Amino acid sequence: MADIRREVIAQGIVADVSGTTLWRWLSADALRPWRYRSWIFPRDPQFAEKAGRILDLYARVWEGRKLTASEFVVSADEKTSIQARLRKHPSLPPIPGCAMRVEHEYSRGGAWTYLAAWDVHQARLFGRCETKNGIAPADRLVGDVMNQEPYRSAQHVFWIMDNCSSHRGEKAAQRLKSKWPNVVLIHTPIHASWLNQIEIYFSIIQRKALMPNDFSSLAEAEERILGFQCHYQRIAKPFEWTFTRKDLQMLLAKLDDQELSRVA
């Protein structure tokens, strides 16, 4: 702000101005070049088709028909590298007029990969901590769900997952179906984690249970993760998903317009 103030005075735009006034002017202006948002154009050539299938499932529709009571939609993913940071000095609890203080320095006590699955319409939550991700941990999570009712005897259980190597492509779909014949693996488009509802829960647990990262051991981190999972299951309701196929069409049309403008 001091640099901008110096420049506008040197250029004769104003004779003098305080930093507070200048900041107020800039904050009220339509152009705010110091702010930015990261974004990415869809790279998947089948983006609309893949995204549309997922949005249909959220609306309890599959291939143009309504889902039956014996069909379920499960959203799943891995939250990797949840570290147990062992602080060099015990955290100081908050006192009146002073926030909690957490020591900056820490040693690493290991890390968990948290695999979780969310029944989109029943608001049922499943999860487990693993020392690493991969095919075996991913299949253990699927087994935690599929080996119990009502999923074991369901007509179909649609699993919405991203393109991680442990569940990527047709090979993964066939692997899961060979173990659980009623599983239908649905992949999100590339770079479209926002379409996967489990990411909403990951955001919740990050904010409410894992910040600040201050654990005495890896075991305490696991206890916190699974403890919050049990707590959340008691109060869970289906997420109010409002993004529809119509919204998707509008978004893609907007991106097409922006791409044409950029090329022109």
Protein backbone atom coordinates (compact mmCIF):
# COMPACT_ATOMS: atom_id res chain seq x y z
CA MET A 1 0.00 0.00 0.00
CA ALA A 2 2.90 2.37 0.73
CA ASP A 3 4.30 1.72 -2.76
CA ILE A 4 0.94 2.43 -4.43
CA ARG A 5 0.49 5.62 -2.37
CA ARG A 6 3.96 6.81 -3.34
CA GLU A 7 3.26 6.15 -7.04
CA VAL A 8 -0.13 7.89 -7.26
CA ILE A 9 1.33 10.97 -5.60
CA ALA A 10 4.41 10.91 -7.89
CA GLN A 11 2.15 10.62 -10.95
CA GLY A 12 0.12 13.63 -9.82
CA ILE A 13 -3.11 11.64 -9.58
CA VAL A 14 -3.66 13.17 -6.14
CA ALA A 15 -1.70 15.72 -4.14
CA ASP A 16 -1.77 13.52 -1.07
CA VAL A 17 -3.80 10.61 0.27
CA SER A 18 -3.64 8.51 3.39
CA GLY A 19 -3.06 4.79 3.21
CA THR A 20 -6.47 4.17 4.82
CA THR A 21 -8.29 6.26 2.22
CA LEU A 22 -6.38 4.63 -0.62
CA TRP A 23 -7.24 1.19 0.69
CA ARG A 24 -10.90 2.17 0.92
CA TRP A 25 -10.85 3.36 -2.72
CA LEU A 26 -9.21 0.17 -3.94
CA SER A 27 -11.55 -2.07 -1.97
CA ALA A 28 -14.57 -0.37 -3.51
CA ASP A 29 -13.23 -0.54 -7.07
CA ALA A 30 -14.54 -3.04 -9.62
CA LEU A 31 -11.01 -4.17 -10.54
CA ARG A 32 -8.96 -5.74 -7.76
CA PRO A 33 -5.77 -7.02 -9.39
CA TRP A 34 -4.21 -8.18 -6.11
CA ARG A 35 -6.92 -10.85 -5.80
CA TYR A 36 -6.98 -14.04 -7.84
CA ARG A 37 -8.66 -17.41 -8.05
CA SER A 38 -7.12 -20.63 -9.32
CA TRP A 39 -9.18 -22.58 -11.84
CA ILE A 40 -8.77 -25.11 -14.64
CA PHE A 41 -10.55 -25.83 -17.89
CA PRO A 42 -12.04 -29.36 -18.07
CA ARG A 43 -9.41 -31.64 -19.60
CA ASP A 44 -11.50 -34.78 -19.83
CA PRO A 45 -13.04 -35.19 -23.31
CA GLN A 46 -15.96 -37.01 -21.66
CA PHE A 47 -16.38 -34.42 -18.91
CA ALA A 48 -20.05 -33.67 -19.58
CA GLU A 49 -20.99 -37.34 -19.89
CA LYS A 50 -19.17 -38.43 -16.71
CA ALA A 51 -20.32 -35.45 -14.66
CA GLY A 52 -23.89 -35.88 -15.87
CA ARG A 53 -24.01 -39.49 -14.67
CA ILE A 54 -22.92 -38.43 -11.20
CA LEU A 55 -25.42 -35.58 -11.01
CA ASP A 56 -28.15 -37.99 -12.10
CA LEU A 57 -27.20 -40.41 -9.33
CA TYR A 58 -27.35 -37.62 -6.77
CA ALA A 59 -30.89 -37.00 -8.03
CA ARG A 60 -31.55 -40.77 -7.72
CA VAL A 61 -31.64 -41.38 -11.47
CA TRP A 62 -29.67 -43.94 -13.48
CA GLU A 63 -29.85 -44.26 -17.26
CA GLY A 64 -33.14 -42.39 -17.36
CA ARG A 65 -34.95 -44.32 -14.62
CA LYS A 66 -35.49 -43.67 -10.94
CA LEU A 67 -33.40 -45.68 -8.51
CA THR A 68 -35.23 -48.31 -6.51
CA ALA A 69 -35.18 -48.58 -2.72
CA SER A 70 -32.58 -51.34 -3.14
CA GLU A 71 -30.07 -49.17 -4.97
CA PHE A 72 -27.54 -47.01 -3.15
CA VAL A 73 -25.07 -44.28 -4.08
CA VAL A 74 -21.75 -44.16 -2.21
CA SER A 75 -19.13 -41.44 -2.59
CA ALA A 76 -15.58 -42.41 -1.58
CA ASP A 77 -12.01 -41.17 -1.62
CA GLU A 78 -8.74 -41.03 0.32
CA LYS A 79 -7.48 -38.12 2.41
CA THR A 80 -3.74 -38.67 2.36
CA SER A 81 -0.84 -37.52 4.53
CA ILE A 82 -2.68 -36.67 7.74
CA GLN A 83 0.40 -36.07 9.85
CA ALA A 84 0.76 -36.46 13.58
CA ARG A 85 2.76 -33.36 14.45
CA LEU A 86 4.38 -33.73 17.85
CA ARG A 87 4.89 -30.17 19.10
CA LYS A 88 8.19 -29.35 20.79
CA HIS A 89 6.32 -27.55 23.59
CA PRO A 90 2.83 -28.35 24.91
CA SER A 91 0.10 -26.14 23.48
CA LEU A 92 -1.18 -23.47 25.83
CA PRO A 93 -4.97 -23.42 26.26
CA PRO A 94 -6.93 -20.23 25.54
CA ILE A 95 -7.46 -17.77 28.36
CA PRO A 96 -9.63 -14.63 28.45
CA GLY A 97 -8.31 -12.22 25.86
CA CYS A 98 -5.68 -14.64 24.51
CA ALA A 99 -6.08 -17.32 21.86
CA MET A 100 -4.75 -20.85 22.17
CA ARG A 101 -1.02 -20.99 21.43
CA VAL A 102 0.49 -23.83 19.45
CA GLU A 103 4.25 -24.29 19.25
CA HIS A 104 5.54 -23.75 15.71
CA GLU A 105 8.28 -26.40 15.86
CA TYR A 106 7.34 -30.05 15.77
CA SER A 107 8.67 -33.51 15.04
CA ARG A 108 6.91 -35.89 12.69
CA GLY A 109 5.13 -38.79 14.32
CA GLY A 110 4.04 -40.51 11.11
CA ALA A 111 0.99 -40.02 8.92
CA TRP A 112 -2.31 -41.68 8.13
CA THR A 113 -4.22 -42.11 4.93
CA TYR A 114 -7.89 -41.76 5.84
CA LEU A 115 -10.20 -43.65 3.50
CA ALA A 116 -13.86 -42.77 3.82
CA ALA A 117 -17.15 -43.56 2.12
CA TRP A 118 -20.41 -41.61 2.33
CA ASP A 119 -23.85 -42.99 1.48
CA VAL A 120 -25.20 -39.95 -0.32
CA HIS A 121 -28.90 -40.49 0.38
CA GLN A 122 -28.80 -42.42 3.67
CA ALA A 123 -26.14 -40.18 5.29
CA ARG A 124 -24.15 -43.18 6.48
CA LEU A 125 -20.42 -42.75 6.98
CA PHE A 126 -17.66 -45.35 6.85
CA GLY A 127 -13.95 -44.87 7.25
CA ARG A 128 -10.64 -46.38 8.23
CA CYS A 129 -7.06 -45.25 8.77
CA GLU A 130 -4.30 -46.92 6.78
CA THR A 131 -0.54 -46.35 6.77
CA LYS A 132 -0.64 -45.93 2.97
CA ASN A 133 -3.08 -45.94 0.11
CA GLY A 134 -3.28 -48.52 -2.67
CA ILE A 135 -5.46 -51.30 -4.02
CA ALA A 136 -5.58 -53.35 -0.80
CA PRO A 137 -6.57 -50.43 1.49
CA ALA A 138 -9.17 -49.22 -1.04
CA ASP A 139 -10.67 -52.71 -1.28
CA ARG A 140 -10.78 -52.96 2.52
CA LEU A 141 -12.88 -49.80 2.64
CA VAL A 142 -15.23 -51.13 -0.03
CA GLY A 143 -15.45 -54.38 1.93
CA ASP A 144 -16.36 -52.52 5.13
CA VAL A 145 -19.46 -51.28 3.31
CA MET A 146 -20.32 -54.13 0.98
CA ASN A 147 -20.02 -56.91 3.54
CA GLN A 148 -22.91 -55.56 5.58
CA GLU A 149 -26.57 -54.94 4.94
CA PRO A 150 -28.30 -53.36 3.14
CA TYR A 151 -25.42 -53.11 0.67
CA ARG A 152 -24.56 -56.82 0.56
CA SER A 153 -27.94 -57.79 -0.88
CA ALA A 154 -28.68 -54.52 -2.72
CA GLN A 155 -29.64 -54.52 -6.38
CA HIS A 156 -26.85 -52.04 -7.18
CA VAL A 157 -24.40 -49.99 -5.16
CA PHE A 158 -22.94 -47.16 -7.24
CA TRP A 159 -19.48 -46.15 -6.04
CA ILE A 160 -18.41 -42.65 -7.09
CA MET A 161 -14.61 -42.45 -7.02
CA ASP A 162 -11.89 -40.40 -8.67
CA ASN A 163 -9.07 -41.59 -10.93
CA CYS A 164 -6.55 -42.52 -8.25
CA SER A 165 -4.36 -45.43 -9.33
CA SER A 166 -5.98 -47.80 -6.82
CA HIS A 167 -9.39 -47.49 -8.47
CA ARG A 168 -8.70 -46.15 -11.94
CA GLY A 169 -10.23 -47.38 -15.17
CA GLU A 170 -12.11 -50.45 -16.29
CA LYS A 171 -9.62 -52.79 -14.64
CA ALA A 172 -10.58 -51.44 -11.21
CA ALA A 173 -14.27 -51.65 -12.07
CA GLN A 174 -13.91 -55.32 -12.99
CA ARG A 175 -11.82 -56.03 -9.87
CA LEU A 176 -14.51 -54.66 -7.58
CA LYS A 177 -17.32 -56.38 -9.47
CA SER A 178 -15.51 -59.73 -9.22
CA LYS A 179 -15.58 -59.39 -5.43
CA TRP A 180 -18.97 -57.70 -5.10
CA PRO A 181 -21.15 -58.35 -8.19
CA ASN A 182 -23.61 -55.56 -7.36
CA VAL A 183 -20.93 -52.82 -7.31
CA VAL A 184 -20.99 -50.30 -10.17
CA LEU A 185 -17.89 -48.10 -10.20
CA ILE A 186 -18.50 -44.56 -11.47
CA HIS A 187 -15.43 -42.42 -12.12
CA THR A 188 -15.46 -38.66 -11.77
CA PRO A 189 -14.03 -36.67 -14.67
CA ILE A 190 -10.33 -35.80 -14.39
CA HIS A 191 -9.75 -32.75 -12.16
CA ALA A 192 -13.34 -32.77 -10.84
CA SER A 193 -13.06 -33.65 -7.15
CA TRP A 194 -15.76 -31.03 -6.46
CA LEU A 195 -18.28 -33.50 -7.90
CA ASN A 196 -17.48 -36.05 -5.20
CA GLN A 197 -19.56 -35.48 -2.06
CA ILE A 198 -17.05 -37.17 0.25
CA GLU A 199 -14.84 -34.12 -0.30
CA ILE A 200 -17.43 -32.08 1.64
CA TYR A 201 -16.96 -34.35 4.62
CA PHE A 202 -13.17 -34.17 4.28
CA SER A 203 -13.45 -30.38 4.49
CA ILE A 204 -15.58 -30.70 7.62
CA ILE A 205 -13.22 -33.07 9.44
CA GLN A 206 -10.22 -30.95 8.47
CA ARG A 207 -11.73 -27.81 9.99
CA LYS A 208 -13.40 -29.36 13.02
CA ALA A 209 -11.07 -32.15 14.08
CA LEU A 210 -7.62 -31.81 12.52
CA MET A 211 -6.83 -28.12 13.02
CA PRO A 212 -4.58 -27.26 14.67
CA ASN A 213 -2.55 -30.38 14.00
CA ASP A 214 -1.32 -31.12 17.53
CA PHE A 215 -1.05 -34.77 18.55
CA SER A 216 1.10 -36.65 21.04
CA SER A 217 1.26 -39.75 18.84
CA LEU A 218 0.02 -41.33 15.63
CA ALA A 219 -2.43 -43.37 17.72
CA GLU A 220 -3.95 -40.15 19.10
CA ALA A 221 -4.41 -38.85 15.55
CA GLU A 222 -6.28 -42.03 14.61
CA GLU A 223 -8.42 -41.75 17.74
CA ARG A 224 -9.31 -38.16 16.81
CA ILE A 225 -10.20 -39.08 13.22
CA LEU A 226 -12.35 -42.08 14.04
CA GLY A 227 -13.83 -40.40 17.10
CA PHE A 228 -15.02 -37.49 14.99
CA GLN A 229 -16.34 -39.93 12.42
CA CYS A 230 -18.52 -41.58 15.10
CA HIS A 231 -19.69 -38.18 16.32
CA TYR A 232 -20.55 -36.98 12.84
CA GLN A 233 -22.47 -40.17 12.06
CA ARG A 234 -24.79 -39.46 14.98
CA ILE A 235 -25.75 -36.02 13.62
CA ALA A 236 -25.32 -36.60 9.87
CA LYS A 237 -27.92 -35.61 7.29
CA PRO A 238 -27.67 -35.88 3.50
CA PHE A 239 -25.85 -32.91 2.00
CA GLU A 240 -28.12 -30.42 0.24
CA TRP A 241 -26.67 -30.91 -3.22
CA THR A 242 -28.14 -28.28 -5.57
CA PHE A 243 -25.85 -28.44 -8.63
CA THR A 244 -27.84 -30.10 -11.43
CA ARG A 245 -27.40 -31.07 -15.07
CA LYS A 246 -28.83 -27.68 -16.02
CA ASP A 247 -26.15 -25.94 -13.96
CA LEU A 248 -23.53 -28.16 -15.59
CA GLN A 249 -24.69 -27.16 -19.07
CA MET A 250 -24.56 -23.48 -18.12
CA LEU A 251 -21.06 -23.87 -16.67
CA LEU A 252 -19.71 -25.66 -19.75
CA ALA A 253 -21.30 -23.08 -22.05
CA LYS A 254 -19.64 -20.32 -20.03
CA LEU A 255 -16.26 -22.03 -20.26
CA ASP A 256 -16.69 -22.46 -24.02
CA ASP A 257 -17.40 -18.74 -24.36
CA GLN A 258 -14.31 -17.88 -22.30
CA GLU A 259 -12.13 -20.21 -24.35
CA LEU A 260 -13.37 -18.67 -27.60
CA SER A 261 -12.69 -15.16 -26.24
CA ARG A 262 -9.18 -16.17 -25.18
CA VAL A 263 -8.38 -17.64 -28.60
CA ALA A 264 -9.85 -14.64 -30.42
